[in-house]
N, C-alpha and C. Protein backbone atom coordinates (compact mmCIF):
# COMPACT_ATOMS: atom_id res chain seq x y z
N MET A 1 -15.94 7.11 -11.28
CA MET A 1 -15.18 7.45 -10.06
C MET A 1 -15.18 6.26 -9.11
N VAL A 2 -14.11 6.08 -8.42
CA VAL A 2 -14.01 4.96 -7.50
C VAL A 2 -15.03 5.11 -6.38
N ALA A 3 -15.83 4.06 -6.15
CA ALA A 3 -16.81 4.10 -5.07
C ALA A 3 -16.10 3.89 -3.76
N LEU A 4 -16.49 4.67 -2.77
CA LEU A 4 -15.83 4.60 -1.48
C LEU A 4 -16.72 3.93 -0.46
N GLU A 5 -16.11 3.13 0.38
CA GLU A 5 -16.81 2.50 1.47
C GLU A 5 -16.17 3.00 2.75
N HIS A 6 -16.96 3.44 3.71
CA HIS A 6 -16.41 3.95 4.97
C HIS A 6 -16.73 2.97 6.08
N PRO A 7 -15.84 2.04 6.39
CA PRO A 7 -16.12 1.05 7.43
C PRO A 7 -16.29 1.74 8.77
N GLN A 8 -17.32 1.37 9.51
CA GLN A 8 -17.56 1.97 10.81
C GLN A 8 -16.54 1.49 11.83
N LYS A 9 -16.09 0.28 11.64
CA LYS A 9 -15.13 -0.26 12.60
C LYS A 9 -13.99 -0.90 11.82
N HIS A 10 -12.95 -0.13 11.57
CA HIS A 10 -11.83 -0.63 10.80
C HIS A 10 -10.66 -0.89 11.73
N ARG A 11 -10.01 -2.03 11.53
CA ARG A 11 -8.96 -2.44 12.44
C ARG A 11 -7.58 -2.03 11.98
N GLY A 12 -7.50 -1.25 10.88
CA GLY A 12 -6.19 -0.92 10.32
C GLY A 12 -5.23 -0.32 11.33
N TRP A 13 -5.71 0.61 12.16
CA TRP A 13 -4.83 1.26 13.12
C TRP A 13 -5.20 0.91 14.56
N ALA A 14 -6.13 -0.02 14.75
CA ALA A 14 -6.67 -0.29 16.08
C ALA A 14 -5.61 -0.63 17.11
N SER A 15 -4.62 -1.40 16.67
CA SER A 15 -3.59 -1.78 17.65
C SER A 15 -2.20 -1.58 17.08
N ALA A 16 -2.03 -0.51 16.30
CA ALA A 16 -0.76 -0.29 15.62
C ALA A 16 0.41 -0.19 16.60
N ARG A 17 0.17 0.40 17.76
CA ARG A 17 1.28 0.57 18.69
C ARG A 17 1.80 -0.75 19.22
N GLY A 18 0.98 -1.81 19.13
CA GLY A 18 1.42 -3.09 19.63
C GLY A 18 2.10 -3.94 18.58
N LEU A 19 2.26 -3.39 17.38
CA LEU A 19 2.83 -4.16 16.29
C LEU A 19 4.33 -3.98 16.19
N PRO A 20 5.04 -5.04 15.85
CA PRO A 20 6.46 -4.87 15.54
C PRO A 20 6.59 -4.17 14.20
N ILE A 21 7.65 -3.42 14.00
CA ILE A 21 7.86 -2.76 12.72
C ILE A 21 8.63 -3.71 11.83
N ALA A 22 7.99 -4.20 10.77
CA ALA A 22 8.62 -5.17 9.90
C ALA A 22 9.71 -4.51 9.08
N ASP A 23 10.87 -5.15 9.06
CA ASP A 23 11.99 -4.69 8.25
C ASP A 23 12.34 -3.24 8.54
N ALA A 24 12.28 -2.86 9.80
CA ALA A 24 12.53 -1.45 10.14
C ALA A 24 14.02 -1.21 10.34
N SER A 25 14.78 -1.48 9.31
CA SER A 25 16.21 -1.24 9.39
C SER A 25 16.48 0.23 9.20
N ALA A 26 17.71 0.63 9.47
CA ALA A 26 18.06 2.04 9.35
C ALA A 26 18.51 2.38 7.94
N SER A 27 18.13 1.56 6.96
CA SER A 27 18.51 1.83 5.58
C SER A 27 17.82 3.09 5.10
N VAL A 28 18.43 3.72 4.11
CA VAL A 28 17.87 4.97 3.62
C VAL A 28 17.76 4.93 2.11
N MET A 29 16.87 5.78 1.57
CA MET A 29 16.77 5.95 0.13
C MET A 29 18.04 6.64 -0.33
N SER A 30 18.56 6.21 -1.44
CA SER A 30 19.76 6.85 -1.95
C SER A 30 19.44 8.22 -2.50
N SER A 31 20.38 9.15 -2.31
CA SER A 31 20.17 10.49 -2.83
C SER A 31 20.32 10.47 -4.34
N GLY A 32 19.60 11.38 -4.98
CA GLY A 32 19.69 11.45 -6.42
C GLY A 32 18.85 12.61 -6.92
N THR A 33 18.72 12.72 -8.21
CA THR A 33 17.92 13.78 -8.79
C THR A 33 16.93 13.18 -9.77
N VAL A 34 15.66 13.54 -9.66
CA VAL A 34 14.62 13.07 -10.55
C VAL A 34 14.06 14.28 -11.28
N THR A 35 14.31 14.34 -12.58
CA THR A 35 13.87 15.45 -13.43
C THR A 35 14.06 16.79 -12.73
N GLY A 36 15.27 17.00 -12.22
CA GLY A 36 15.60 18.29 -11.64
C GLY A 36 15.26 18.45 -10.19
N GLN A 37 14.56 17.43 -9.60
CA GLN A 37 14.19 17.54 -8.19
C GLN A 37 15.11 16.68 -7.34
N THR A 38 15.75 17.27 -6.37
CA THR A 38 16.66 16.52 -5.51
C THR A 38 15.90 15.58 -4.61
N THR A 39 16.35 14.32 -4.55
CA THR A 39 15.74 13.33 -3.69
C THR A 39 16.53 13.27 -2.39
N HIS A 40 15.95 13.73 -1.30
CA HIS A 40 16.65 13.74 -0.02
C HIS A 40 16.51 12.37 0.65
N PRO A 41 17.55 11.91 1.32
CA PRO A 41 17.47 10.61 1.99
C PRO A 41 16.35 10.58 3.02
N VAL A 42 15.67 9.45 3.09
CA VAL A 42 14.62 9.26 4.09
C VAL A 42 15.01 8.08 4.96
N ASN A 43 15.10 8.29 6.24
CA ASN A 43 15.44 7.21 7.16
C ASN A 43 14.21 6.34 7.36
N LEU A 44 14.28 5.09 6.89
CA LEU A 44 13.10 4.23 6.88
C LEU A 44 12.65 3.86 8.28
N ARG A 45 13.60 3.69 9.20
CA ARG A 45 13.20 3.38 10.58
C ARG A 45 12.41 4.55 11.17
N ASP A 46 12.92 5.76 11.00
CA ASP A 46 12.20 6.93 11.51
C ASP A 46 10.83 7.05 10.88
N GLU A 47 10.76 6.78 9.57
CA GLU A 47 9.48 6.89 8.87
C GLU A 47 8.49 5.86 9.40
N ALA A 48 8.96 4.64 9.65
CA ALA A 48 8.08 3.60 10.18
C ALA A 48 7.57 3.96 11.57
N LEU A 49 8.46 4.53 12.40
CA LEU A 49 8.04 4.94 13.74
C LEU A 49 7.00 6.05 13.67
N LEU A 50 7.17 6.96 12.72
CA LEU A 50 6.18 8.02 12.54
C LEU A 50 4.84 7.44 12.09
N MET A 51 4.89 6.38 11.29
CA MET A 51 3.65 5.76 10.82
C MET A 51 2.82 5.22 11.98
N LEU A 52 3.49 4.80 13.04
CA LEU A 52 2.76 4.31 14.20
C LEU A 52 1.86 5.39 14.78
N ASP A 53 2.25 6.63 14.62
CA ASP A 53 1.45 7.76 15.09
C ASP A 53 0.69 8.42 13.95
N ARG A 54 0.57 7.69 12.83
CA ARG A 54 -0.17 8.18 11.67
C ARG A 54 0.45 9.46 11.13
N ARG A 55 1.77 9.55 11.20
CA ARG A 55 2.47 10.72 10.70
C ARG A 55 3.55 10.26 9.73
N GLY A 56 4.33 11.20 9.25
CA GLY A 56 5.41 10.88 8.35
C GLY A 56 5.14 11.37 6.94
N ALA A 57 6.22 11.56 6.18
CA ALA A 57 6.12 12.13 4.85
C ALA A 57 5.27 11.28 3.92
N LEU A 58 5.43 9.95 3.97
CA LEU A 58 4.71 9.10 3.04
C LEU A 58 3.19 9.19 3.24
N LEU A 59 2.76 9.09 4.49
CA LEU A 59 1.32 9.16 4.74
C LEU A 59 0.76 10.54 4.43
N ASP A 60 1.54 11.58 4.73
CA ASP A 60 1.09 12.94 4.43
C ASP A 60 0.91 13.13 2.93
N ILE A 61 1.87 12.64 2.15
CA ILE A 61 1.79 12.80 0.70
C ILE A 61 0.69 11.92 0.12
N ALA A 62 0.54 10.70 0.63
CA ALA A 62 -0.54 9.82 0.17
C ALA A 62 -1.90 10.46 0.45
N ARG A 63 -2.00 11.10 1.61
CA ARG A 63 -3.25 11.78 1.98
C ARG A 63 -3.52 12.96 1.04
N GLU A 64 -2.47 13.71 0.73
CA GLU A 64 -2.62 14.86 -0.17
C GLU A 64 -3.06 14.40 -1.56
N VAL A 65 -2.41 13.35 -2.09
CA VAL A 65 -2.76 12.84 -3.41
C VAL A 65 -4.21 12.37 -3.43
N SER A 66 -4.63 11.64 -2.41
CA SER A 66 -6.01 11.15 -2.34
C SER A 66 -7.00 12.30 -2.31
N GLN A 67 -6.71 13.31 -1.52
CA GLN A 67 -7.61 14.46 -1.43
C GLN A 67 -7.72 15.18 -2.76
N LEU A 68 -6.60 15.36 -3.46
CA LEU A 68 -6.62 16.02 -4.75
C LEU A 68 -7.39 15.20 -5.79
N MET A 69 -7.20 13.89 -5.79
CA MET A 69 -7.91 13.02 -6.73
C MET A 69 -9.41 13.08 -6.48
N ARG A 70 -9.81 13.01 -5.22
CA ARG A 70 -11.24 13.05 -4.91
C ARG A 70 -11.85 14.37 -5.34
N ALA A 71 -11.16 15.47 -5.06
CA ALA A 71 -11.70 16.79 -5.40
C ALA A 71 -11.83 16.97 -6.91
N ALA A 72 -10.92 16.35 -7.67
CA ALA A 72 -10.93 16.49 -9.12
C ALA A 72 -11.75 15.40 -9.81
N GLY A 73 -12.25 14.43 -9.04
CA GLY A 73 -13.03 13.35 -9.62
C GLY A 73 -12.19 12.37 -10.42
N ILE A 74 -10.92 12.25 -10.07
CA ILE A 74 -10.02 11.31 -10.75
C ILE A 74 -9.98 10.01 -9.96
N PRO A 75 -10.42 8.89 -10.57
CA PRO A 75 -10.40 7.62 -9.84
C PRO A 75 -8.98 7.08 -9.69
N GLY A 76 -8.61 6.76 -8.50
CA GLY A 76 -7.28 6.21 -8.25
C GLY A 76 -7.21 5.77 -6.80
N VAL A 77 -6.48 4.71 -6.53
CA VAL A 77 -6.37 4.20 -5.16
C VAL A 77 -4.92 3.87 -4.84
N VAL A 78 -4.58 4.01 -3.57
CA VAL A 78 -3.24 3.68 -3.10
C VAL A 78 -3.14 2.17 -2.88
N ILE A 79 -2.06 1.59 -3.39
CA ILE A 79 -1.81 0.16 -3.18
C ILE A 79 -0.41 0.01 -2.57
N GLY A 80 0.17 -1.18 -2.66
CA GLY A 80 1.55 -1.38 -2.22
C GLY A 80 1.75 -1.29 -0.72
N GLY A 81 2.96 -0.90 -0.34
CA GLY A 81 3.34 -0.89 1.07
C GLY A 81 2.51 0.04 1.92
N VAL A 82 2.14 1.21 1.39
CA VAL A 82 1.32 2.13 2.17
C VAL A 82 -0.04 1.51 2.45
N ALA A 83 -0.62 0.81 1.48
CA ALA A 83 -1.90 0.13 1.71
C ALA A 83 -1.77 -0.93 2.80
N VAL A 84 -0.65 -1.64 2.80
CA VAL A 84 -0.40 -2.66 3.83
C VAL A 84 -0.37 -2.01 5.21
N VAL A 85 0.33 -0.88 5.31
CA VAL A 85 0.42 -0.16 6.58
C VAL A 85 -0.97 0.31 7.02
N LEU A 86 -1.75 0.85 6.10
CA LEU A 86 -3.08 1.35 6.44
C LEU A 86 -3.98 0.23 6.95
N HIS A 87 -3.78 -0.98 6.45
CA HIS A 87 -4.59 -2.11 6.89
C HIS A 87 -4.01 -2.78 8.13
N GLY A 88 -2.96 -2.18 8.71
CA GLY A 88 -2.55 -2.61 10.04
C GLY A 88 -1.22 -3.27 10.20
N PHE A 89 -0.56 -3.69 9.12
CA PHE A 89 0.75 -4.33 9.24
C PHE A 89 1.80 -3.26 8.97
N VAL A 90 2.42 -2.77 10.03
CA VAL A 90 3.35 -1.65 9.90
C VAL A 90 4.72 -2.15 9.47
N ARG A 91 5.16 -1.68 8.33
CA ARG A 91 6.49 -2.02 7.82
C ARG A 91 7.03 -0.81 7.08
N THR A 92 8.29 -0.88 6.69
CA THR A 92 8.89 0.23 5.97
C THR A 92 8.52 0.19 4.49
N THR A 93 8.47 1.35 3.90
CA THR A 93 8.29 1.46 2.45
C THR A 93 8.82 2.83 2.06
N ASN A 94 9.23 2.98 0.82
CA ASN A 94 9.81 4.25 0.42
C ASN A 94 9.09 4.91 -0.76
N ASP A 95 7.93 4.37 -1.14
CA ASP A 95 7.17 5.00 -2.21
C ASP A 95 5.67 4.83 -1.98
N ILE A 96 4.89 5.47 -2.83
CA ILE A 96 3.43 5.44 -2.72
C ILE A 96 2.88 5.02 -4.07
N ASP A 97 2.46 3.78 -4.22
CA ASP A 97 1.94 3.29 -5.49
C ASP A 97 0.48 3.70 -5.64
N ILE A 98 0.16 4.28 -6.81
CA ILE A 98 -1.22 4.66 -7.12
C ILE A 98 -1.65 3.92 -8.38
N VAL A 99 -2.75 3.21 -8.33
CA VAL A 99 -3.27 2.55 -9.52
C VAL A 99 -4.43 3.38 -10.06
N LEU A 100 -4.39 3.64 -11.36
CA LEU A 100 -5.47 4.41 -12.00
C LEU A 100 -5.51 4.09 -13.48
N GLN A 101 -6.69 4.29 -14.06
CA GLN A 101 -6.87 4.06 -15.48
C GLN A 101 -6.17 5.17 -16.27
N PRO A 102 -5.53 4.81 -17.40
CA PRO A 102 -4.96 5.85 -18.26
C PRO A 102 -6.10 6.69 -18.87
N PRO A 103 -5.78 7.90 -19.31
CA PRO A 103 -4.45 8.49 -19.42
C PRO A 103 -3.94 9.02 -18.08
N LEU A 104 -2.64 9.12 -17.97
CA LEU A 104 -2.02 9.60 -16.75
C LEU A 104 -2.00 11.13 -16.66
N GLU A 105 -2.12 11.78 -17.82
CA GLU A 105 -1.91 13.23 -17.87
C GLU A 105 -2.81 14.04 -16.93
N PRO A 106 -4.10 13.73 -16.81
CA PRO A 106 -4.92 14.55 -15.89
C PRO A 106 -4.39 14.55 -14.46
N LEU A 107 -3.99 13.37 -13.96
CA LEU A 107 -3.46 13.32 -12.60
C LEU A 107 -2.08 13.97 -12.53
N ALA A 108 -1.25 13.70 -13.54
CA ALA A 108 0.09 14.29 -13.56
C ALA A 108 0.00 15.82 -13.58
N ASP A 109 -0.90 16.35 -14.40
CA ASP A 109 -1.07 17.81 -14.47
C ASP A 109 -1.57 18.36 -13.14
N LEU A 110 -2.51 17.64 -12.53
CA LEU A 110 -3.06 18.08 -11.25
C LEU A 110 -1.97 18.13 -10.18
N LEU A 111 -1.17 17.09 -10.12
CA LEU A 111 -0.15 17.01 -9.07
C LEU A 111 1.00 17.99 -9.31
N THR A 112 1.40 18.17 -10.57
CA THR A 112 2.47 19.13 -10.84
C THR A 112 2.03 20.55 -10.48
N ALA A 113 0.72 20.80 -10.59
CA ALA A 113 0.21 22.12 -10.20
C ALA A 113 0.26 22.32 -8.69
N HIS A 114 0.48 21.22 -7.96
CA HIS A 114 0.55 21.29 -6.49
C HIS A 114 1.93 20.90 -5.96
N GLY A 115 2.95 21.18 -6.77
CA GLY A 115 4.32 21.03 -6.26
C GLY A 115 5.00 19.71 -6.53
N PHE A 116 4.34 18.78 -7.26
CA PHE A 116 4.98 17.51 -7.62
C PHE A 116 5.75 17.68 -8.93
N THR A 117 6.69 16.78 -9.17
CA THR A 117 7.42 16.72 -10.44
C THR A 117 7.05 15.43 -11.15
N PHE A 118 6.73 15.51 -12.44
CA PHE A 118 6.32 14.32 -13.19
C PHE A 118 7.48 13.80 -14.02
N ASP A 119 7.82 12.54 -13.80
CA ASP A 119 8.85 11.86 -14.58
C ASP A 119 8.12 10.90 -15.53
N ARG A 120 7.96 11.33 -16.78
CA ARG A 120 7.18 10.54 -17.73
C ARG A 120 7.84 9.19 -18.02
N ARG A 121 9.17 9.17 -18.09
CA ARG A 121 9.86 7.92 -18.40
C ARG A 121 9.62 6.87 -17.32
N ARG A 122 9.66 7.31 -16.07
CA ARG A 122 9.45 6.38 -14.96
C ARG A 122 7.98 6.17 -14.62
N ARG A 123 7.11 6.96 -15.23
CA ARG A 123 5.68 6.92 -14.93
C ARG A 123 5.44 7.15 -13.43
N GLU A 124 6.02 8.22 -12.92
CA GLU A 124 5.85 8.53 -11.51
C GLU A 124 5.96 10.03 -11.28
N VAL A 125 5.34 10.47 -10.20
CA VAL A 125 5.51 11.85 -9.75
C VAL A 125 6.31 11.80 -8.45
N VAL A 126 6.94 12.92 -8.12
CA VAL A 126 7.81 12.97 -6.95
C VAL A 126 7.54 14.23 -6.17
N LYS A 127 7.52 14.11 -4.84
CA LYS A 127 7.42 15.28 -3.98
C LYS A 127 8.22 15.02 -2.71
N GLN A 128 9.03 15.99 -2.31
CA GLN A 128 9.86 15.88 -1.11
C GLN A 128 10.72 14.62 -1.13
N GLY A 129 11.15 14.22 -2.31
CA GLY A 129 11.98 13.04 -2.44
C GLY A 129 11.22 11.73 -2.41
N VAL A 130 9.90 11.77 -2.30
CA VAL A 130 9.10 10.54 -2.24
C VAL A 130 8.51 10.25 -3.61
N PRO A 131 8.89 9.12 -4.22
CA PRO A 131 8.33 8.76 -5.53
C PRO A 131 6.90 8.22 -5.40
N VAL A 132 6.07 8.59 -6.37
CA VAL A 132 4.68 8.11 -6.42
C VAL A 132 4.47 7.46 -7.78
N PRO A 133 4.79 6.15 -7.92
CA PRO A 133 4.60 5.46 -9.20
C PRO A 133 3.12 5.38 -9.57
N LEU A 134 2.82 5.57 -10.85
CA LEU A 134 1.46 5.47 -11.36
C LEU A 134 1.33 4.12 -12.05
N VAL A 135 0.51 3.26 -11.49
CA VAL A 135 0.43 1.86 -11.90
C VAL A 135 -0.79 1.63 -12.78
N HIS A 136 -0.60 0.91 -13.89
CA HIS A 136 -1.70 0.56 -14.78
C HIS A 136 -2.48 -0.60 -14.16
N PRO A 137 -3.81 -0.60 -14.24
CA PRO A 137 -4.61 -1.68 -13.64
C PRO A 137 -4.22 -3.07 -14.12
N GLU A 138 -3.76 -3.19 -15.37
CA GLU A 138 -3.39 -4.50 -15.89
C GLU A 138 -2.22 -5.11 -15.13
N GLN A 139 -1.46 -4.28 -14.45
CA GLN A 139 -0.30 -4.79 -13.71
C GLN A 139 -0.69 -5.49 -12.41
N ILE A 140 -1.90 -5.23 -11.93
CA ILE A 140 -2.29 -5.80 -10.64
C ILE A 140 -3.52 -6.70 -10.72
N GLY A 141 -4.23 -6.71 -11.85
CA GLY A 141 -5.45 -7.49 -11.97
C GLY A 141 -6.66 -6.68 -11.53
N ALA A 142 -7.83 -7.24 -11.76
CA ALA A 142 -9.08 -6.53 -11.47
C ALA A 142 -9.29 -6.38 -9.97
N LEU A 143 -9.86 -5.24 -9.59
CA LEU A 143 -10.23 -5.00 -8.19
C LEU A 143 -11.72 -5.35 -8.05
N SER A 144 -12.02 -6.25 -7.14
CA SER A 144 -13.38 -6.75 -7.03
C SER A 144 -14.21 -6.02 -5.99
N SER A 145 -13.58 -5.30 -5.09
CA SER A 145 -14.29 -4.64 -3.99
C SER A 145 -14.25 -3.12 -4.14
N LYS A 146 -15.11 -2.46 -3.40
CA LYS A 146 -15.09 -1.00 -3.37
C LYS A 146 -13.82 -0.53 -2.66
N ALA A 147 -13.35 0.64 -3.08
CA ALA A 147 -12.22 1.24 -2.37
C ALA A 147 -12.69 1.68 -0.99
N VAL A 148 -11.74 1.80 -0.07
CA VAL A 148 -12.05 2.25 1.28
C VAL A 148 -11.21 3.47 1.59
N GLU A 149 -11.66 4.26 2.53
CA GLU A 149 -10.91 5.43 2.95
C GLU A 149 -10.44 5.22 4.39
N ILE A 150 -9.12 5.24 4.58
CA ILE A 150 -8.53 5.04 5.89
C ILE A 150 -7.57 6.20 6.16
N GLU A 151 -7.77 6.89 7.26
CA GLU A 151 -6.92 8.03 7.61
C GLU A 151 -6.86 9.07 6.49
N GLY A 152 -7.99 9.24 5.79
CA GLY A 152 -8.05 10.23 4.73
C GLY A 152 -7.41 9.80 3.43
N ILE A 153 -6.99 8.53 3.35
CA ILE A 153 -6.32 8.01 2.15
C ILE A 153 -7.21 6.99 1.48
N THR A 154 -7.44 7.16 0.19
CA THR A 154 -8.24 6.20 -0.58
C THR A 154 -7.36 5.02 -0.95
N THR A 155 -7.74 3.85 -0.50
CA THR A 155 -6.92 2.66 -0.73
C THR A 155 -7.81 1.47 -1.09
N VAL A 156 -7.18 0.36 -1.41
CA VAL A 156 -7.93 -0.84 -1.78
C VAL A 156 -8.47 -1.54 -0.54
N ALA A 157 -9.54 -2.28 -0.74
CA ALA A 157 -10.10 -3.08 0.34
C ALA A 157 -9.12 -4.20 0.69
N LEU A 158 -9.28 -4.75 1.89
CA LEU A 158 -8.35 -5.78 2.37
C LEU A 158 -8.30 -6.98 1.43
N ALA A 159 -9.45 -7.42 0.94
CA ALA A 159 -9.47 -8.60 0.06
C ALA A 159 -8.69 -8.35 -1.22
N ASP A 160 -8.85 -7.17 -1.80
CA ASP A 160 -8.12 -6.86 -3.03
C ASP A 160 -6.62 -6.75 -2.76
N LEU A 161 -6.26 -6.20 -1.62
CA LEU A 161 -4.85 -6.08 -1.27
C LEU A 161 -4.22 -7.46 -1.13
N ILE A 162 -4.89 -8.36 -0.44
CA ILE A 162 -4.36 -9.71 -0.27
C ILE A 162 -4.33 -10.44 -1.61
N ASN A 163 -5.35 -10.24 -2.44
CA ASN A 163 -5.35 -10.85 -3.77
C ASN A 163 -4.09 -10.49 -4.54
N MET A 164 -3.79 -9.20 -4.64
CA MET A 164 -2.66 -8.79 -5.46
C MET A 164 -1.33 -9.20 -4.83
N LYS A 165 -1.24 -9.15 -3.50
CA LYS A 165 0.01 -9.53 -2.84
C LYS A 165 0.25 -11.04 -2.93
N LEU A 166 -0.79 -11.82 -2.74
CA LEU A 166 -0.65 -13.27 -2.78
C LEU A 166 -0.40 -13.75 -4.21
N ARG A 167 -1.05 -13.12 -5.16
CA ARG A 167 -0.83 -13.47 -6.57
C ARG A 167 0.61 -13.18 -6.97
N SER A 168 1.11 -12.04 -6.59
CA SER A 168 2.48 -11.67 -6.94
C SER A 168 3.51 -12.54 -6.22
N GLY A 169 3.32 -12.74 -4.92
CA GLY A 169 4.28 -13.51 -4.14
C GLY A 169 4.31 -14.98 -4.48
N SER A 170 3.18 -15.51 -4.97
CA SER A 170 3.11 -16.93 -5.30
C SER A 170 3.70 -17.25 -6.66
N THR A 171 3.79 -16.26 -7.52
CA THR A 171 4.25 -16.50 -8.88
C THR A 171 5.66 -15.99 -9.14
N ASN A 172 6.21 -15.22 -8.21
CA ASN A 172 7.53 -14.65 -8.41
C ASN A 172 8.33 -14.77 -7.11
N LEU A 173 9.34 -15.62 -7.12
CA LEU A 173 10.13 -15.85 -5.92
C LEU A 173 10.89 -14.60 -5.48
N LEU A 174 11.07 -13.65 -6.38
CA LEU A 174 11.76 -12.42 -6.03
C LEU A 174 10.85 -11.44 -5.31
N ARG A 175 9.56 -11.78 -5.19
CA ARG A 175 8.60 -10.91 -4.52
C ARG A 175 8.25 -11.46 -3.14
N ALA A 176 9.27 -11.88 -2.40
CA ALA A 176 9.05 -12.47 -1.08
C ALA A 176 8.36 -11.50 -0.13
N GLN A 177 8.60 -10.18 -0.31
CA GLN A 177 7.98 -9.19 0.56
C GLN A 177 6.45 -9.25 0.46
N ASP A 178 5.94 -9.60 -0.72
CA ASP A 178 4.49 -9.68 -0.89
C ASP A 178 3.90 -10.79 -0.02
N LEU A 179 4.57 -11.93 0.04
CA LEU A 179 4.09 -13.01 0.92
C LEU A 179 4.22 -12.60 2.38
N ALA A 180 5.30 -11.91 2.70
CA ALA A 180 5.47 -11.42 4.08
C ALA A 180 4.34 -10.46 4.45
N ASP A 181 3.91 -9.65 3.49
CA ASP A 181 2.79 -8.73 3.73
C ASP A 181 1.51 -9.50 4.03
N VAL A 182 1.25 -10.54 3.25
CA VAL A 182 0.04 -11.34 3.47
C VAL A 182 0.08 -11.98 4.85
N ILE A 183 1.22 -12.53 5.22
CA ILE A 183 1.36 -13.15 6.54
C ILE A 183 1.13 -12.12 7.64
N GLY A 184 1.72 -10.94 7.48
CA GLY A 184 1.53 -9.88 8.47
C GLY A 184 0.08 -9.45 8.58
N LEU A 185 -0.62 -9.36 7.45
CA LEU A 185 -2.03 -8.97 7.47
C LEU A 185 -2.90 -10.06 8.10
N ILE A 186 -2.60 -11.32 7.80
CA ILE A 186 -3.35 -12.42 8.42
C ILE A 186 -3.21 -12.37 9.93
N ARG A 187 -2.01 -12.14 10.39
CA ARG A 187 -1.77 -12.11 11.84
C ARG A 187 -2.46 -10.91 12.48
N HIS A 188 -2.28 -9.73 11.89
CA HIS A 188 -2.85 -8.54 12.52
C HIS A 188 -4.37 -8.55 12.48
N GLN A 189 -4.94 -8.93 11.35
CA GLN A 189 -6.40 -8.94 11.22
C GLN A 189 -7.03 -10.22 11.78
N ARG A 190 -6.17 -11.15 12.23
CA ARG A 190 -6.64 -12.42 12.79
C ARG A 190 -7.58 -13.14 11.82
N LEU A 191 -7.13 -13.23 10.58
CA LEU A 191 -7.94 -13.85 9.55
C LEU A 191 -7.91 -15.37 9.68
N THR A 192 -9.00 -15.99 9.36
CA THR A 192 -9.09 -17.45 9.35
C THR A 192 -9.27 -17.92 7.91
N SER A 193 -9.33 -19.22 7.74
CA SER A 193 -9.50 -19.79 6.41
C SER A 193 -10.80 -19.33 5.75
N GLU A 194 -11.76 -18.93 6.56
CA GLU A 194 -13.05 -18.47 6.03
C GLU A 194 -12.89 -17.23 5.16
N PHE A 195 -11.85 -16.45 5.41
CA PHE A 195 -11.66 -15.22 4.63
C PHE A 195 -11.37 -15.53 3.17
N ALA A 196 -10.96 -16.76 2.88
CA ALA A 196 -10.64 -17.14 1.51
C ALA A 196 -11.81 -16.92 0.56
N ARG A 197 -13.03 -16.97 1.07
CA ARG A 197 -14.20 -16.80 0.18
C ARG A 197 -14.27 -15.40 -0.42
N HIS A 198 -13.54 -14.46 0.15
CA HIS A 198 -13.51 -13.10 -0.39
C HIS A 198 -12.43 -12.93 -1.46
N LEU A 199 -11.59 -13.96 -1.64
CA LEU A 199 -10.46 -13.87 -2.55
C LEU A 199 -10.74 -14.57 -3.87
N ASP A 200 -9.84 -14.35 -4.84
CA ASP A 200 -9.94 -15.07 -6.10
C ASP A 200 -9.87 -16.57 -5.82
N LYS A 201 -10.71 -17.32 -6.50
CA LYS A 201 -10.80 -18.76 -6.24
C LYS A 201 -9.46 -19.46 -6.41
N ALA A 202 -8.68 -19.03 -7.39
CA ALA A 202 -7.39 -19.67 -7.64
C ALA A 202 -6.42 -19.50 -6.49
N LEU A 203 -6.67 -18.51 -5.63
CA LEU A 203 -5.76 -18.23 -4.52
C LEU A 203 -6.20 -18.88 -3.21
N HIS A 204 -7.35 -19.53 -3.21
CA HIS A 204 -7.86 -20.15 -1.97
C HIS A 204 -6.86 -21.13 -1.35
N PRO A 205 -6.30 -22.08 -2.14
CA PRO A 205 -5.37 -23.04 -1.53
C PRO A 205 -4.15 -22.37 -0.89
N ALA A 206 -3.55 -21.40 -1.56
CA ALA A 206 -2.36 -20.74 -1.03
C ALA A 206 -2.68 -19.97 0.24
N PHE A 207 -3.83 -19.29 0.25
CA PHE A 207 -4.20 -18.52 1.43
C PHE A 207 -4.46 -19.44 2.62
N ARG A 208 -5.20 -20.49 2.41
CA ARG A 208 -5.53 -21.42 3.50
C ARG A 208 -4.27 -22.11 4.02
N LYS A 209 -3.33 -22.38 3.13
CA LYS A 209 -2.06 -22.99 3.57
C LYS A 209 -1.32 -22.04 4.49
N LEU A 210 -1.28 -20.75 4.15
CA LEU A 210 -0.61 -19.78 5.01
C LEU A 210 -1.29 -19.69 6.37
N VAL A 211 -2.62 -19.70 6.39
CA VAL A 211 -3.35 -19.64 7.65
C VAL A 211 -3.01 -20.85 8.52
N ARG A 212 -2.96 -22.03 7.91
CA ARG A 212 -2.61 -23.25 8.67
C ARG A 212 -1.20 -23.16 9.23
N MET A 213 -0.27 -22.67 8.42
CA MET A 213 1.12 -22.57 8.88
C MET A 213 1.26 -21.58 10.03
N ILE A 214 0.54 -20.47 9.95
CA ILE A 214 0.58 -19.47 11.02
C ILE A 214 -0.03 -20.03 12.30
N ARG A 215 -1.13 -20.74 12.15
CA ARG A 215 -1.80 -21.34 13.32
C ARG A 215 -0.90 -22.40 13.96
N ARG A 216 -0.23 -23.20 13.12
CA ARG A 216 0.66 -24.24 13.65
C ARG A 216 1.83 -23.61 14.39
N GLU A 217 2.39 -22.55 13.82
CA GLU A 217 3.52 -21.87 14.47
C GLU A 217 3.10 -21.30 15.83
N SER A 218 1.89 -20.73 15.89
CA SER A 218 1.41 -20.16 17.14
C SER A 218 1.20 -21.21 18.21
N SER A 219 0.71 -22.37 17.79
CA SER A 219 0.44 -23.44 18.76
C SER A 219 1.71 -24.06 19.30
N GLU A 220 2.83 -23.94 18.57
CA GLU A 220 4.09 -24.53 18.99
C GLU A 220 4.89 -23.63 19.94
N ARG A 221 4.43 -22.40 20.10
CA ARG A 221 5.17 -21.47 20.95
C ARG A 221 4.92 -21.77 22.42
C-alpha cells in the first residue's frame, strides 16, 4: 500500500487566492459519449475558479477516488494537472490521472460499483463527464518519495511531481505544459537551486537552469 506522509505545514493551498489561474480560458470539454455515459461540457474557467476555493467536480471526484482506494487498500496516487493544483499552481485541467500497479480490474470494479463507468479500451473510468485515466507506473518512471495527502486526496510528493513533469517536458517539445507546470511550481513554492538535490540527478542541470531564468526575469522587472 502506498505510504502516506502528512506534512504539518504544506504550502499547496497556502496562498491559492493570490495566484493567477494559468490557461484559464473559457474553453470547454467537447460533449460526447463514453461507453454509454454522456460527457457533459465542463467550463474550464469556472472549474479553475472553483479550485481556488477547493471545490469543483474534479477535486470532488479525485477526493472520492482517493477515499475509495484507501478504504480498499488499493495503492494509487493522483498525478498530472490535479497534482499540480494541489501543490499550489492553479491551472485548468479536464481529467484526473491516477497511477497504479496493474491489474486495473480491482480499482475498476470498485469504482464502477460507486457510479463510475469503465472504458477498458481507453484505460479510464468516467464519472459526471470527468475522465479518470489509469496510468501504468512505467509511463512516468519510479516514484522516489512517499505519497502525500492534500485536501483528502492522495497525490505524489512535490519532488516526484517535478521529476515527471521536467522529464516529460525536456524530452518532448509537444509537452510544453509540463515545463510550464514546473515553472509555476518553482514560483509558487519559491524553490531554489538547492531543491535539485531531491530530484533525479539527470534533471539537476535543467531544473537549475529554470531557477536561474526565473530569478533573472524577476530581477529585471
